[in-house]
PDB file of all heavy atoms in Angstrom:
ATOM      1  N   ASP A   1     -46.247  23.034 -57.338  1.00  0.00           N
ATOM      2  CA  ASP A   1     -46.493  21.736 -57.964  1.00  0.00           C
ATOM      3  C   ASP A   1     -46.892  20.719 -56.888  1.00  0.00           C
ATOM      4  O   ASP A   1     -46.155  20.526 -55.927  1.00  0.00           O
ATOM      5  CB  ASP A   1     -45.214  21.290 -58.682  1.00  0.00           C
ATOM      6  CG  ASP A   1     -45.354  19.975 -59.408  1.00  0.00           C
ATOM      7  OD1 ASP A   1     -45.754  18.974 -58.777  1.00  0.00           O
ATOM      8  OD2 ASP A   1     -45.037  19.943 -60.606  1.00  0.00           O
ATOM      9  N   PRO A   2     -48.045  20.044 -57.025  1.00  0.00           N
ATOM     10  CA  PRO A   2     -48.493  19.101 -55.986  1.00  0.00           C
ATOM     11  C   PRO A   2     -47.499  17.962 -55.706  1.00  0.00           C
ATOM     12  O   PRO A   2     -47.350  17.556 -54.550  1.00  0.00           O
ATOM     13  CB  PRO A   2     -49.802  18.535 -56.543  1.00  0.00           C
ATOM     14  CG  PRO A   2     -50.252  19.516 -57.570  1.00  0.00           C
ATOM     15  CD  PRO A   2     -49.018  20.189 -58.102  1.00  0.00           C
ATOM     16  N   VAL A   3     -46.832  17.458 -56.727  1.00  0.00           N
ATOM     17  CA  VAL A   3     -45.829  16.405 -56.506  1.00  0.00           C
ATOM     18  C   VAL A   3     -44.663  16.968 -55.714  1.00  0.00           C
ATOM     19  O   VAL A   3     -44.181  16.352 -54.761  1.00  0.00           O
ATOM     20  CB  VAL A   3     -45.352  15.791 -57.845  1.00  0.00           C
ATOM     21  CG1 VAL A   3     -44.168  14.865 -57.629  1.00  0.00           C
ATOM     22  CG2 VAL A   3     -46.496  15.059 -58.537  1.00  0.00           C
ATOM     23  N   HIS A   4     -44.210  18.168 -56.076  1.00  0.00           N
ATOM     24  CA  HIS A   4     -43.100  18.803 -55.364  1.00  0.00           C
ATOM     25  C   HIS A   4     -43.474  19.102 -53.917  1.00  0.00           C
ATOM     26  O   HIS A   4     -42.650  18.944 -53.010  1.00  0.00           O
ATOM     27  CB  HIS A   4     -42.667  20.080 -56.065  1.00  0.00           C
ATOM     28  CG  HIS A   4     -42.048  19.853 -57.401  1.00  0.00           C
ATOM     29  ND1 HIS A   4     -41.485  20.875 -58.128  1.00  0.00           N
ATOM     30  CD2 HIS A   4     -41.904  18.740 -58.160  1.00  0.00           C
ATOM     31  CE1 HIS A   4     -41.012  20.398 -59.266  1.00  0.00           C
ATOM     32  NE2 HIS A   4     -41.270  19.099 -59.306  1.00  0.00           N
ATOM     33  N   VAL A   5     -44.714  19.521 -53.688  1.00  0.00           N
ATOM     34  CA  VAL A   5     -45.176  19.800 -52.322  1.00  0.00           C
ATOM     35  C   VAL A   5     -45.112  18.520 -51.484  1.00  0.00           C
ATOM     36  O   VAL A   5     -44.649  18.537 -50.338  1.00  0.00           O
ATOM     37  CB  VAL A   5     -46.601  20.400 -52.330  1.00  0.00           C
ATOM     38  CG1 VAL A   5     -47.180  20.477 -50.926  1.00  0.00           C
ATOM     39  CG2 VAL A   5     -46.576  21.794 -52.969  1.00  0.00           C
ATOM     40  N   ALA A   6     -45.547  17.409 -52.058  1.00  0.00           N
ATOM     41  CA  ALA A   6     -45.479  16.132 -51.350  1.00  0.00           C
ATOM     42  C   ALA A   6     -44.034  15.734 -51.061  1.00  0.00           C
ATOM     43  O   ALA A   6     -43.718  15.225 -49.974  1.00  0.00           O
ATOM     44  CB  ALA A   6     -46.183  15.045 -52.160  1.00  0.00           C
ATOM     45  N   LEU A   7     -43.135  15.981 -52.020  1.00  0.00           N
ATOM     46  CA  LEU A   7     -41.712  15.692 -51.794  1.00  0.00           C
ATOM     47  C   LEU A   7     -41.127  16.616 -50.735  1.00  0.00           C
ATOM     48  O   LEU A   7     -40.303  16.187 -49.923  1.00  0.00           O
ATOM     49  CB  LEU A   7     -40.936  15.802 -53.109  1.00  0.00           C
ATOM     50  CG  LEU A   7     -41.255  14.719 -54.139  1.00  0.00           C
ATOM     51  CD1 LEU A   7     -40.636  15.071 -55.492  1.00  0.00           C
ATOM     52  CD2 LEU A   7     -40.793  13.348 -53.671  1.00  0.00           C
ATOM     53  N   ARG A   8     -41.534  17.881 -50.714  1.00  0.00           N
ATOM     54  CA  ARG A   8     -41.060  18.823 -49.694  1.00  0.00           C
ATOM     55  C   ARG A   8     -41.423  18.338 -48.288  1.00  0.00           C
ATOM     56  O   ARG A   8     -40.669  18.549 -47.339  1.00  0.00           O
ATOM     57  CB  ARG A   8     -41.661  20.208 -49.911  1.00  0.00           C
ATOM     58  CG  ARG A   8     -41.032  20.998 -51.010  1.00  0.00           C
ATOM     59  CD  ARG A   8     -41.864  22.269 -51.288  1.00  0.00           C
ATOM     60  NE  ARG A   8     -41.098  23.204 -52.059  1.00  0.00           N
ATOM     61  CZ  ARG A   8     -40.446  24.253 -51.557  1.00  0.00           C
ATOM     62  NH1 ARG A   8     -40.485  24.498 -50.271  1.00  0.00           N
ATOM     63  NH2 ARG A   8     -39.760  25.044 -52.339  1.00  0.00           N
ATOM     64  N   ARG A   9     -42.570  17.683 -48.154  1.00  0.00           N
ATOM     65  CA  ARG A   9     -42.982  17.171 -46.840  1.00  0.00           C
ATOM     66  C   ARG A   9     -42.073  16.040 -46.362  1.00  0.00           C
ATOM     67  O   ARG A   9     -42.037  15.719 -45.173  1.00  0.00           O
ATOM     68  CB  ARG A   9     -44.438  16.716 -46.883  1.00  0.00           C
ATOM     69  CG  ARG A   9     -45.422  17.875 -46.907  1.00  0.00           C
ATOM     70  CD  ARG A   9     -46.848  17.424 -46.608  1.00  0.00           C
ATOM     71  NE  ARG A   9     -47.377  16.530 -47.617  1.00  0.00           N
ATOM     72  CZ  ARG A   9     -48.167  16.912 -48.630  1.00  0.00           C
ATOM     73  NH1 ARG A   9     -48.505  18.175 -48.775  1.00  0.00           N
ATOM     74  NH2 ARG A   9     -48.613  16.009 -49.485  1.00  0.00           N
ATOM     75  N   GLN A  10     -41.328  15.429 -47.263  1.00  0.00           N
ATOM     76  CA  GLN A  10     -40.392  14.362 -46.888  1.00  0.00           C
ATOM     77  C   GLN A  10     -39.068  14.904 -46.354  1.00  0.00           C
ATOM     78  O   GLN A  10     -38.351  14.207 -45.635  1.00  0.00           O
ATOM     79  CB  GLN A  10     -40.114  13.468 -48.104  1.00  0.00           C
ATOM     80  CG  GLN A  10     -41.315  12.727 -48.606  1.00  0.00           C
ATOM     81  CD  GLN A  10     -41.023  11.956 -49.875  1.00  0.00           C
ATOM     82  OE1 GLN A  10     -39.874  11.818 -50.309  1.00  0.00           O
ATOM     83  NE2 GLN A  10     -42.066  11.424 -50.493  1.00  0.00           N
ATOM     84  N   VAL A  11     -38.746  16.127 -46.705  1.00  0.00           N
ATOM     85  CA  VAL A  11     -37.429  16.693 -46.392  1.00  0.00           C
ATOM     86  C   VAL A  11     -37.089  16.661 -44.897  1.00  0.00           C
ATOM     87  O   VAL A  11     -35.955  16.345 -44.544  1.00  0.00           O
ATOM     88  CB  VAL A  11     -37.287  18.105 -47.002  1.00  0.00           C
ATOM     89  CG1 VAL A  11     -36.024  18.796 -46.513  1.00  0.00           C
ATOM     90  CG2 VAL A  11     -37.299  18.021 -48.529  1.00  0.00           C
ATOM     91  N   PRO A  12     -38.028  16.920 -43.986  1.00  0.00           N
ATOM     92  CA  PRO A  12     -37.658  16.850 -42.560  1.00  0.00           C
ATOM     93  C   PRO A  12     -37.197  15.463 -42.107  1.00  0.00           C
ATOM     94  O   PRO A  12     -36.567  15.327 -41.066  1.00  0.00           O
ATOM     95  CB  PRO A  12     -38.942  17.256 -41.833  1.00  0.00           C
ATOM     96  CG  PRO A  12     -39.696  18.067 -42.827  1.00  0.00           C
ATOM     97  CD  PRO A  12     -39.382  17.453 -44.170  1.00  0.00           C
ATOM     98  N   HIS A  13     -37.498  14.448 -42.887  1.00  0.00           N
ATOM     99  CA  HIS A  13     -37.141  13.072 -42.533  1.00  0.00           C
ATOM    100  C   HIS A  13     -35.963  12.555 -43.363  1.00  0.00           C
ATOM    101  O   HIS A  13     -35.662  11.367 -43.346  1.00  0.00           O
ATOM    102  CB  HIS A  13     -38.357  12.159 -42.734  1.00  0.00           C
ATOM    103  CG  HIS A  13     -39.584  12.703 -42.088  1.00  0.00           C
ATOM    104  ND1 HIS A  13     -39.773  12.703 -40.722  1.00  0.00           N
ATOM    105  CD2 HIS A  13     -40.671  13.326 -42.616  1.00  0.00           C
ATOM    106  CE1 HIS A  13     -40.923  13.276 -40.445  1.00  0.00           C
ATOM    107  NE2 HIS A  13     -41.491  13.659 -41.571  1.00  0.00           N
ATOM    108  N   LEU A  14     -35.296  13.447 -44.070  1.00  0.00           N
ATOM    109  CA  LEU A  14     -34.258  13.104 -45.032  1.00  0.00           C
ATOM    110  C   LEU A  14     -32.871  13.300 -44.444  1.00  0.00           C
ATOM    111  O   LEU A  14     -32.622  14.259 -43.715  1.00  0.00           O
ATOM    112  CB  LEU A  14     -34.430  14.029 -46.241  1.00  0.00           C
ATOM    113  CG  LEU A  14     -33.797  13.665 -47.559  1.00  0.00           C
ATOM    114  CD1 LEU A  14     -34.415  12.398 -48.108  1.00  0.00           C
ATOM    115  CD2 LEU A  14     -34.029  14.808 -48.549  1.00  0.00           C
ATOM    116  N   ASN A  15     -31.976  12.399 -44.784  1.00  0.00           N
ATOM    117  CA  ASN A  15     -30.559  12.521 -44.439  1.00  0.00           C
ATOM    118  C   ASN A  15     -29.741  12.209 -45.681  1.00  0.00           C
ATOM    119  O   ASN A  15     -30.199  11.470 -46.557  1.00  0.00           O
ATOM    120  CB  ASN A  15     -30.166  11.547 -43.329  1.00  0.00           C
ATOM    121  CG  ASN A  15     -30.768  11.932 -42.006  1.00  0.00           C
ATOM    122  OD1 ASN A  15     -30.538  13.030 -41.522  1.00  0.00           O
ATOM    123  ND2 ASN A  15     -31.554  11.048 -41.428  1.00  0.00           N
ATOM    124  N   VAL A  16     -28.526  12.744 -45.746  1.00  0.00           N
ATOM    125  CA  VAL A  16     -27.616  12.411 -46.836  1.00  0.00           C
ATOM    126  C   VAL A  16     -26.887  11.131 -46.448  1.00  0.00           C
ATOM    127  O   VAL A  16     -26.212  11.076 -45.429  1.00  0.00           O
ATOM    128  CB  VAL A  16     -26.630  13.560 -47.117  1.00  0.00           C
ATOM    129  CG1 VAL A  16     -25.569  13.127 -48.115  1.00  0.00           C
ATOM    130  CG2 VAL A  16     -27.372  14.789 -47.626  1.00  0.00           C
ATOM    131  N   ARG A  17     -27.066  10.101 -47.261  1.00  0.00           N
ATOM    132  CA  ARG A  17     -26.418   8.799 -47.043  1.00  0.00           C
ATOM    133  C   ARG A  17     -25.002   8.813 -47.595  1.00  0.00           C
ATOM    134  O   ARG A  17     -24.090   8.242 -47.009  1.00  0.00           O
ATOM    135  CB  ARG A  17     -27.246   7.700 -47.715  1.00  0.00           C
ATOM    136  CG  ARG A  17     -26.647   6.325 -47.681  1.00  0.00           C
ATOM    137  CD  ARG A  17     -27.539   5.268 -48.320  1.00  0.00           C
ATOM    138  NE  ARG A  17     -28.138   5.639 -49.584  1.00  0.00           N
ATOM    139  CZ  ARG A  17     -27.564   5.503 -50.780  1.00  0.00           C
ATOM    140  NH1 ARG A  17     -26.345   5.029 -50.888  1.00  0.00           N
ATOM    141  NH2 ARG A  17     -28.212   5.847 -51.883  1.00  0.00           N
ATOM    142  N   ALA A  18     -24.813   9.472 -48.762  1.00  0.00           N
ATOM    143  CA  ALA A  18     -23.498   9.525 -49.410  1.00  0.00           C
ATOM    144  C   ALA A  18     -23.467  10.709 -50.360  1.00  0.00           C
ATOM    145  O   ALA A  18     -24.506  11.218 -50.770  1.00  0.00           O
ATOM    146  CB  ALA A  18     -23.232   8.230 -50.178  1.00  0.00           C
ATOM    147  N   ARG A  19     -22.247  11.119 -50.692  1.00  0.00           N
ATOM    148  CA  ARG A  19     -22.038  12.186 -51.677  1.00  0.00           C
ATOM    149  C   ARG A  19     -21.107  11.644 -52.744  1.00  0.00           C
ATOM    150  O   ARG A  19     -20.242  10.820 -52.470  1.00  0.00           O
ATOM    151  CB  ARG A  19     -21.386  13.421 -51.036  1.00  0.00           C
ATOM    152  CG  ARG A  19     -22.095  14.010 -49.853  1.00  0.00           C
ATOM    153  CD  ARG A  19     -23.114  15.048 -50.032  1.00  0.00           C
ATOM    154  NE  ARG A  19     -22.987  16.175 -50.869  1.00  0.00           N
ATOM    155  CZ  ARG A  19     -23.079  17.442 -50.446  1.00  0.00           C
ATOM    156  NH1 ARG A  19     -23.175  17.725 -49.165  1.00  0.00           N
ATOM    157  NH2 ARG A  19     -23.058  18.413 -51.307  1.00  0.00           N
ATOM    158  N   CYS A  20     -21.270  12.136 -53.961  1.00  0.00           N
ATOM    159  CA  CYS A  20     -20.384  11.747 -55.050  1.00  0.00           C
ATOM    160  C   CYS A  20     -18.960  12.201 -54.705  1.00  0.00           C
ATOM    161  O   CYS A  20     -18.762  13.287 -54.163  1.00  0.00           O
ATOM    162  CB  CYS A  20     -20.865  12.389 -56.346  1.00  0.00           C
ATOM    163  SG  CYS A  20     -19.891  11.901 -57.782  1.00  0.00           S
ATOM    164  N   THR A  21     -17.988  11.389 -55.031  1.00  0.00           N
ATOM    165  CA  THR A  21     -16.606  11.702 -54.674  1.00  0.00           C
ATOM    166  C   THR A  21     -15.898  12.570 -55.706  1.00  0.00           C
ATOM    167  O   THR A  21     -14.773  13.003 -55.476  1.00  0.00           O
ATOM    168  CB  THR A  21     -15.801  10.405 -54.467  1.00  0.00           C
ATOM    169  OG1 THR A  21     -15.860   9.635 -55.663  1.00  0.00           O
ATOM    170  CG2 THR A  21     -16.363   9.605 -53.301  1.00  0.00           C
ATOM    171  N   CYS A  22     -16.549  12.851 -56.841  1.00  0.00           N
ATOM    172  CA  CYS A  22     -15.887  13.649 -57.882  1.00  0.00           C
ATOM    173  C   CYS A  22     -15.891  15.145 -57.564  1.00  0.00           C
ATOM    174  O   CYS A  22     -15.188  15.911 -58.210  1.00  0.00           O
ATOM    175  CB  CYS A  22     -16.515  13.400 -59.256  1.00  0.00           C
ATOM    176  SG  CYS A  22     -18.033  14.318 -59.564  1.00  0.00           S
ATOM    177  N   GLY A  23     -16.698  15.563 -56.568  1.00  0.00           N
ATOM    178  CA  GLY A  23     -16.745  16.971 -56.208  1.00  0.00           C
ATOM    179  C   GLY A  23     -17.950  17.704 -56.759  1.00  0.00           C
ATOM    180  O   GLY A  23     -18.141  18.891 -56.475  1.00  0.00           O
ATOM    181  N   CYS A  24     -18.789  17.035 -57.547  1.00  0.00           N
ATOM    182  CA  CYS A  24     -19.934  17.707 -58.170  1.00  0.00           C
ATOM    183  C   CYS A  24     -21.000  18.104 -57.153  1.00  0.00           C
ATOM    184  O   CYS A  24     -21.759  19.033 -57.389  1.00  0.00           O
ATOM    185  CB  CYS A  24     -20.549  16.830 -59.253  1.00  0.00           C
ATOM    186  SG  CYS A  24     -21.403  15.358 -58.630  1.00  0.00           S
ATOM    187  N   GLY A  25     -21.099  17.381 -56.057  1.00  0.00           N
ATOM    188  CA  GLY A  25     -22.094  17.698 -55.043  1.00  0.00           C
ATOM    189  C   GLY A  25     -23.311  16.807 -55.059  1.00  0.00           C
ATOM    190  O   GLY A  25     -24.212  16.972 -54.237  1.00  0.00           O
ATOM    191  N   THR A  26     -23.370  15.863 -55.991  1.00  0.00           N
ATOM    192  CA  THR A  26     -24.490  14.937 -56.028  1.00  0.00           C
ATOM    193  C   THR A  26     -24.624  14.271 -54.660  1.00  0.00           C
ATOM    194  O   THR A  26     -23.637  13.872 -54.055  1.00  0.00           O
ATOM    195  CB  THR A  26     -24.283  13.889 -57.140  1.00  0.00           C
ATOM    196  OG1 THR A  26     -24.358  14.560 -58.404  1.00  0.00           O
ATOM    197  CG2 THR A  26     -25.328  12.791 -57.091  1.00  0.00           C
ATOM    198  N   ALA A  27     -25.878  14.176 -54.172  1.00  0.00           N
ATOM    199  CA  ALA A  27     -26.142  13.620 -52.847  1.00  0.00           C
ATOM    200  C   ALA A  27     -27.173  12.503 -52.943  1.00  0.00           C
ATOM    201  O   ALA A  27     -28.189  12.646 -53.631  1.00  0.00           O
ATOM    202  CB  ALA A  27     -26.649  14.713 -51.917  1.00  0.00           C
ATOM    203  N   TYR A  28     -26.896  11.411 -52.255  1.00  0.00           N
ATOM    204  CA  TYR A  28     -27.785  10.256 -52.198  1.00  0.00           C
ATOM    205  C   TYR A  28     -28.457  10.251 -50.830  1.00  0.00           C
ATOM    206  O   TYR A  28     -27.790  10.404 -49.813  1.00  0.00           O
ATOM    207  CB  TYR A  28     -26.996   8.966 -52.431  1.00  0.00           C
ATOM    208  CG  TYR A  28     -26.281   9.002 -53.758  1.00  0.00           C
ATOM    209  CD1 TYR A  28     -24.958   9.433 -53.840  1.00  0.00           C
ATOM    210  CD2 TYR A  28     -26.938   8.658 -54.932  1.00  0.00           C
ATOM    211  CE1 TYR A  28     -24.299   9.500 -55.060  1.00  0.00           C
ATOM    212  CE2 TYR A  28     -26.288   8.728 -56.163  1.00  0.00           C
ATOM    213  CZ  TYR A  28     -24.977   9.141 -56.211  1.00  0.00           C
ATOM    214  OH  TYR A  28     -24.325   9.227 -57.418  1.00  0.00           O
ATOM    215  N   PHE A  29     -29.781  10.065 -50.831  1.00  0.00           N
ATOM    216  CA  PHE A  29     -30.551  10.247 -49.614  1.00  0.00           C
ATOM    217  C   PHE A  29     -30.925   8.941 -48.926  1.00  0.00           C
ATOM    218  O   PHE A  29     -31.043   7.897 -49.551  1.00  0.00           O
ATOM    219  CB  PHE A  29     -31.845  11.009 -49.913  1.00  0.00           C
ATOM    220  CG  PHE A  29     -31.619  12.360 -50.526  1.00  0.00           C
ATOM    221  CD1 PHE A  29     -32.344  12.746 -51.639  1.00  0.00           C
ATOM    222  CD2 PHE A  29     -30.693  13.238 -50.007  1.00  0.00           C
ATOM    223  CE1 PHE A  29     -32.155  13.994 -52.213  1.00  0.00           C
ATOM    224  CE2 PHE A  29     -30.483  14.485 -50.570  1.00  0.00           C
ATOM    225  CZ  PHE A  29     -31.221  14.860 -51.676  1.00  0.00           C
ATOM    226  N   GLU A  30     -31.153   9.089 -47.644  1.00  0.00           N
ATOM    227  CA  GLU A  30     -31.736   8.055 -46.811  1.00  0.00           C
ATOM    228  C   GLU A  30     -32.984   8.692 -46.205  1.00  0.00           C
ATOM    229  O   GLU A  30     -32.925   9.815 -45.711  1.00  0.00           O
ATOM    230  CB  GLU A  30     -30.739   7.673 -45.720  1.00  0.00           C
ATOM    231  CG  GLU A  30     -31.180   6.558 -44.840  1.00  0.00           C
ATOM    232  CD  GLU A  30     -30.054   6.192 -43.881  1.00  0.00           C
ATOM    233  OE1 GLU A  30     -29.917   6.871 -42.837  1.00  0.00           O
ATOM    234  OE2 GLU A  30     -29.310   5.252 -44.195  1.00  0.00           O
ATOM    235  N   LEU A  31     -34.101   7.982 -46.279  1.00  0.00           N
ATOM    236  CA  LEU A  31     -35.366   8.534 -45.814  1.00  0.00           C
ATOM    237  C   LEU A  31     -36.100   7.497 -44.994  1.00  0.00           C
ATOM    238  O   LEU A  31     -36.217   6.337 -45.406  1.00  0.00           O
ATOM    239  CB  LEU A  31     -36.217   8.944 -47.026  1.00  0.00           C
ATOM    240  CG  LEU A  31     -37.622   9.456 -46.773  1.00  0.00           C
ATOM    241  CD1 LEU A  31     -37.580  10.796 -46.043  1.00  0.00           C
ATOM    242  CD2 LEU A  31     -38.367   9.610 -48.093  1.00  0.00           C
ATOM    243  N   ASP A  32     -36.583   7.900 -43.832  1.00  0.00           N
ATOM    244  CA  ASP A  32     -37.397   7.012 -43.007  1.00  0.00           C
ATOM    245  C   ASP A  32     -38.806   7.022 -43.594  1.00  0.00           C
ATOM    246  O   ASP A  32     -39.589   7.936 -43.336  1.00  0.00           O
ATOM    247  CB  ASP A  32     -37.394   7.495 -41.556  1.00  0.00           C
ATOM    248  CG  ASP A  32     -38.177   6.586 -40.640  1.00  0.00           C
ATOM    249  OD1 ASP A  32     -38.839   5.638 -41.129  1.00  0.00           O
ATOM    250  OD2 ASP A  32     -38.140   6.819 -39.419  1.00  0.00           O
ATOM    251  N   THR A  33     -39.121   6.010 -44.401  1.00  0.00           N
ATOM    252  CA  THR A  33     -40.413   5.982 -45.091  1.00  0.00           C
ATOM    253  C   THR A  33     -41.582   5.749 -44.141  1.00  0.00           C
ATOM    254  O   THR A  33     -42.726   5.992 -44.518  1.00  0.00           O
ATOM    255  CB  THR A  33     -40.429   4.912 -46.209  1.00  0.00           C
ATOM    256  OG1 THR A  33     -40.124   3.643 -45.646  1.00  0.00           O
ATOM    257  CG2 THR A  33     -39.424   5.263 -47.294  1.00  0.00           C
ATOM    258  N   SER A  34     -41.306   5.320 -42.918  1.00  0.00           N
ATOM    259  CA  SER A  34     -42.400   5.173 -41.952  1.00  0.00           C
ATOM    260  C   SER A  34     -42.865   6.538 -41.440  1.00  0.00           C
ATOM    261  O   SER A  34     -43.945   6.656 -40.877  1.00  0.00           O
ATOM    262  CB  SER A  34     -41.970   4.292 -40.778  1.00  0.00           C
ATOM    263  OG  SER A  34     -41.010   4.955 -39.974  1.00  0.00           O
ATOM    264  N   GLU A  35     -42.043   7.558 -41.664  1.00  0.00           N
ATOM    265  CA  GLU A  35     -42.358   8.913 -41.204  1.00  0.00           C
ATOM    266  C   GLU A  35     -42.878   9.820 -42.321  1.00  0.00           C
ATOM    267  O   GLU A  35     -43.260  10.951 -42.063  1.00  0.00           O
ATOM    268  CB  GLU A  35     -41.110   9.560 -40.587  1.00  0.00           C
ATOM    269  CG  GLU A  35     -40.606   8.883 -39.348  1.00  0.00           C
ATOM    270  CD  GLU A  35     -41.530   9.078 -38.161  1.00  0.00           C
ATOM    271  OE1 GLU A  35     -42.173  10.140 -38.063  1.00  0.00           O
ATOM    272  OE2 GLU A  35     -41.615   8.150 -37.339  1.00  0.00           O
ATOM    273  N   ALA A  36     -42.870   9.341 -43.569  1.00  0.00           N
ATOM    274  CA  ALA A  36     -43.223  10.208 -44.697  1.00  0.00           C
ATOM    275  C   ALA A  36     -44.135   9.471 -45.668  1.00  0.00           C
ATOM    276  O   ALA A  36     -43.975   8.271 -45.894  1.00  0.00           O
ATOM    277  CB  ALA A  36     -41.955  10.652 -45.419  1.00  0.00           C
ATOM    278  N   GLU A  37     -45.070  10.204 -46.237  1.00  0.00           N
ATOM    279  CA  GLU A  37     -45.971   9.669 -47.251  1.00  0.00           C
ATOM    280  C   GLU A  37     -45.299   9.768 -48.619  1.00  0.00           C
ATOM    281  O   GLU A  37     -44.605  10.750 -48.898  1.00  0.00           O
ATOM    282  CB  GLU A  37     -47.274  10.466 -47.279  1.00  0.00           C
ATOM    283  CG  GLU A  37     -48.098  10.344 -46.017  1.00  0.00           C
ATOM    284  CD  GLU A  37     -48.725   8.972 -45.867  1.00  0.00           C
ATOM    285  OE1 GLU A  37     -49.138   8.386 -46.884  1.00  0.00           O
ATOM    286  OE2 GLU A  37     -48.777   8.485 -44.715  1.00  0.00           O
ATOM    287  N   PRO A  38     -45.523   8.792 -49.501  1.00  0.00           N
ATOM    288  CA  PRO A  38     -44.945   8.896 -50.843  1.00  0.00           C
ATOM    289  C   PRO A  38     -45.649   9.980 -51.667  1.00  0.00           C
ATOM    290  O   PRO A  38     -46.836  10.242 -51.479  1.00  0.00           O
ATOM    291  CB  PRO A  38     -45.186   7.511 -51.448  1.00  0.00           C
ATOM    292  CG  PRO A  38     -46.363   6.969 -50.707  1.00  0.00           C
ATOM    293  CD  PRO A  38     -46.279   7.549 -49.318  1.00  0.00           C
ATOM    294  N   ALA A  39     -44.892  10.594 -52.540  1.00  0.00           N
ATOM    295  CA  ALA A  39     -45.452  11.561 -53.481  1.00  0.00           C
ATOM    296  C   ALA A  39     -46.062  10.796 -54.650  1.00  0.00           C
ATOM    297  O   ALA A  39     -45.635   9.673 -54.946  1.00  0.00           O
ATOM    298  CB  ALA A  39     -44.349  12.498 -53.976  1.00  0.00           C
ATOM    299  N   PRO A  40     -47.029  11.388 -55.329  1.00  0.00           N
ATOM    300  CA  PRO A  40     -47.665  10.701 -56.454  1.00  0.00           C
ATOM    301  C   PRO A  40     -46.824  10.759 -57.728  1.00  0.00           C
ATOM    302  O   PRO A  40     -47.195  11.363 -58.727  1.00  0.00           O
ATOM    303  CB  PRO A  40     -48.985  11.465 -56.611  1.00  0.00           C
ATOM    304  CG  PRO A  40     -48.678  12.845 -56.127  1.00  0.00           C
ATOM    305  CD  PRO A  40     -47.668  12.660 -55.023  1.00  0.00           C
ATOM    306  N   THR A  41     -45.669  10.077 -57.689  1.00  0.00           N
ATOM    307  CA  THR A  41     -44.771  10.081 -58.847  1.00  0.00           C
ATOM    308  C   THR A  41     -44.914   8.834 -59.696  1.00  0.00           C
ATOM    309  O   THR A  41     -44.345   8.766 -60.782  1.00  0.00           O
ATOM    310  CB  THR A  41     -43.299  10.179 -58.408  1.00  0.00           C
ATOM    311  OG1 THR A  41     -42.986   9.041 -57.606  1.00  0.00           O
ATOM    312  CG2 THR A  41     -43.026  11.458 -57.647  1.00  0.00           C
ATOM    313  N   GLY A  42     -45.625   7.842 -59.182  1.00  0.00           N
ATOM    314  CA  GLY A  42     -45.724   6.575 -59.898  1.00  0.00           C
ATOM    315  C   GLY A  42     -44.623   5.640 -59.456  1.00  0.00           C
ATOM    316  O   GLY A  42     -43.745   5.996 -58.675  1.00  0.00           O
ATOM    317  N   PRO A  43     -44.654   4.404 -59.974  1.00  0.00           N
ATOM    318  CA  PRO A  43     -43.671   3.403 -59.562  1.00  0.00           C
ATOM    319  C   PRO A  43     -42.313   3.612 -60.229  1.00  0.00           C
ATOM    320  O   PRO A  43     -42.206   4.299 -61.243  1.00  0.00           O
ATOM    321  CB  PRO A  43     -44.302   2.089 -60.027  1.00  0.00           C
ATOM    322  CG  PRO A  43     -45.144   2.478 -61.197  1.00  0.00           C
ATOM    323  CD  PRO A  43     -45.653   3.863 -60.897  1.00  0.00           C
ATOM    324  N   GLY A  44     -41.296   3.007 -59.628  1.00  0.00           N
ATOM    325  CA  GLY A  44     -39.955   3.081 -60.206  1.00  0.00           C
ATOM    326  C   GLY A  44     -39.254   4.379 -59.875  1.00  0.00           C
ATOM    327  O   GLY A  44     -39.665   5.145 -59.015  1.00  0.00           O
TER     328      GLY A  44
END
């Protein structure tokens, strides 16, 4: 998927900022946007 490929290119610049405390494993990311191009997902 072209959108997924663009998102995959962001992964090397990604860090986990926080994790959900309930134990589910949900992860919130921090990304250096100066190092990565946005994927064509649209606004919002």
